Amino acid sequence: MSDPRTLLDRADMSRFQWGIVATMELVGMAIGSLILGLLTGRVRLLGLTIAAMLLSTALVIVFGRTQSDLATLSVVAAAAGFATNAGVVGLYALIARSFVIGVGRGGSALDRRWPGCCSASAMACNSSRC
């Protein structure tokens, strides 16, 4: 049976201290996305994304096993946030790069056949063709 206590209870830290850890994670996430964006001009995006995802996997494991003081936990949280968000940003860029123009335009093709059915005003449409 799993332990019903929360992570906050098990870590013997106050809510304020966990707030610091969460803030450091958010700071790491912002920096990770910025640095990945800057590096894409010099390094292949696919390689950066793979490296960020592998690093995020390792750092999330380290974060889960870290039972240390507030400073160490904050640094590990910032590093995990850095790598995790960098990997997600890289995935978004890879998906956008591989997106074929015309895919997703099915809605506009449908709208040509039944005008107004795919627009924002379709909810208020009382016509039998909607």
Protein backbone atom coordinates (compact mmCIF):
# COMPACT_ATOMS: atom_id res chain seq x y z
CA MET A 1 0.00 0.00 0.00
CA SER A 2 1.32 3.44 -0.83
CA ASP A 3 2.16 6.09 1.73
CA PRO A 4 -0.85 8.43 2.04
CA ARG A 5 1.27 11.37 3.17
CA THR A 6 2.10 14.03 0.61
CA LEU A 7 5.57 14.76 -0.62
CA LEU A 8 5.48 17.91 1.46
CA ASP A 9 4.86 15.87 4.63
CA ARG A 10 7.55 13.32 3.87
CA ALA A 11 10.24 15.90 3.12
CA ASP A 12 9.94 17.71 6.44
CA MET A 13 9.86 21.07 4.67
CA SER A 14 7.50 23.97 5.09
CA ARG A 15 5.21 25.21 2.34
CA PHE A 16 7.43 28.27 2.04
CA GLN A 17 10.48 26.09 1.39
CA TRP A 18 8.60 24.09 -1.24
CA GLY A 19 7.59 27.39 -2.80
CA ILE A 20 11.26 28.24 -3.17
CA VAL A 21 11.93 24.86 -4.83
CA ALA A 22 8.99 25.34 -7.21
CA THR A 23 10.13 28.87 -8.06
CA MET A 24 13.61 27.62 -8.85
CA GLU A 25 12.10 25.00 -11.13
CA LEU A 26 10.15 27.70 -13.00
CA VAL A 27 13.28 29.83 -13.34
CA GLY A 28 15.14 26.81 -14.73
CA MET A 29 12.32 26.19 -17.20
CA ALA A 30 12.44 29.75 -18.52
CA ILE A 31 16.21 29.69 -18.88
CA GLY A 32 16.09 26.25 -20.54
CA SER A 33 13.70 27.39 -23.23
CA LEU A 34 15.72 30.53 -23.92
CA ILE A 35 19.03 28.72 -24.16
CA LEU A 36 17.63 25.98 -26.40
CA GLY A 37 16.20 28.66 -28.67
CA LEU A 38 19.56 30.42 -28.87
CA LEU A 39 21.47 27.21 -29.53
CA THR A 40 19.27 26.11 -32.43
CA GLY A 41 21.11 28.51 -34.71
CA ARG A 42 24.40 26.69 -34.07
CA VAL A 43 23.50 23.09 -33.25
CA ARG A 44 21.08 20.67 -34.92
CA LEU A 45 17.65 20.87 -33.34
CA LEU A 46 17.11 17.11 -33.27
CA GLY A 47 20.37 16.51 -31.41
CA LEU A 48 19.60 19.28 -28.92
CA THR A 49 16.13 17.92 -28.27
CA ILE A 50 17.35 14.37 -27.75
CA ALA A 51 20.08 15.57 -25.38
CA ALA A 52 17.61 17.71 -23.44
CA MET A 53 15.12 14.85 -23.10
CA LEU A 54 17.79 12.41 -21.93
CA LEU A 55 19.15 14.97 -19.47
CA SER A 56 15.64 15.69 -18.19
CA THR A 57 15.07 11.98 -17.57
CA ALA A 58 18.24 11.73 -15.51
CA LEU A 59 17.57 14.94 -13.59
CA VAL A 60 13.99 14.01 -12.72
CA ILE A 61 15.33 10.73 -11.30
CA VAL A 62 17.95 12.66 -9.31
CA PHE A 63 15.26 15.04 -8.06
CA GLY A 64 13.13 12.13 -6.90
CA ARG A 65 16.02 10.59 -5.02
CA THR A 66 17.32 13.83 -3.50
CA GLN A 67 16.53 14.02 0.20
CA SER A 68 18.90 16.85 0.88
CA ASP A 69 18.75 20.40 2.12
CA LEU A 70 16.77 23.22 0.55
CA ALA A 71 19.68 24.60 -1.49
CA THR A 72 20.52 21.25 -3.10
CA LEU A 73 16.89 20.47 -3.82
CA SER A 74 16.42 23.92 -5.37
CA VAL A 75 19.44 23.50 -7.65
CA VAL A 76 18.32 20.04 -8.75
CA ALA A 77 14.77 21.34 -9.37
CA ALA A 78 16.12 24.23 -11.45
CA ALA A 79 18.31 21.87 -13.49
CA ALA A 80 15.43 19.42 -14.01
CA GLY A 81 13.13 22.26 -15.05
CA PHE A 82 15.81 23.58 -17.39
CA ALA A 83 16.25 20.28 -19.22
CA THR A 84 12.58 19.30 -19.21
CA ASN A 85 11.31 22.56 -20.66
CA ALA A 86 14.18 22.73 -23.16
CA GLY A 87 13.15 19.27 -24.38
CA VAL A 88 9.50 20.29 -24.71
CA VAL A 89 10.43 23.46 -26.60
CA GLY A 90 12.60 21.35 -28.90
CA LEU A 91 9.71 18.97 -29.53
CA TYR A 92 7.43 21.88 -30.41
CA ALA A 93 10.01 23.18 -32.87
CA LEU A 94 10.52 19.73 -34.44
CA ILE A 95 6.79 19.24 -34.86
CA ALA A 96 6.40 22.70 -36.39
CA ARG A 97 9.28 22.02 -38.75
CA SER A 98 7.79 18.73 -39.95
CA PHE A 99 4.21 20.03 -40.23
CA VAL A 100 3.02 19.77 -43.82
CA ILE A 101 1.21 22.85 -45.10
CA GLY A 102 -2.31 21.85 -45.94
CA VAL A 103 -2.71 19.40 -43.09
CA GLY A 104 -5.20 20.87 -40.72
CA ARG A 105 -6.95 22.71 -43.50
CA GLY A 106 -9.74 20.18 -43.53
CA GLY A 107 -11.82 22.62 -41.53
CA SER A 108 -11.59 25.23 -44.26
CA ALA A 109 -12.51 22.65 -46.90
CA LEU A 110 -15.52 21.68 -44.84
CA ASP A 111 -16.42 25.34 -44.39
CA ARG A 112 -16.50 25.78 -48.19
CA ARG A 113 -18.99 22.96 -48.50
CA TRP A 114 -21.19 24.16 -45.59
CA PRO A 115 -20.43 27.85 -45.01
CA GLY A 116 -20.55 28.95 -41.40
CA CYS A 117 -20.45 25.45 -39.96
CA CYS A 118 -16.83 25.59 -38.91
CA SER A 119 -16.68 29.19 -37.82
CA ALA A 120 -17.00 30.62 -34.35
CA SER A 121 -20.61 31.52 -35.06
CA ALA A 122 -21.53 27.90 -35.82
CA MET A 123 -22.82 27.43 -32.31
CA ALA A 124 -25.53 29.98 -32.93
CA CYS A 125 -26.35 28.64 -36.40
CA ASN A 126 -29.96 27.46 -36.66
CA SER A 127 -29.79 26.48 -40.31
CA SER A 128 -30.46 22.84 -41.24
CA ARG A 129 -27.09 22.58 -43.01
CA CYS A 130 -25.11 23.17 -39.78
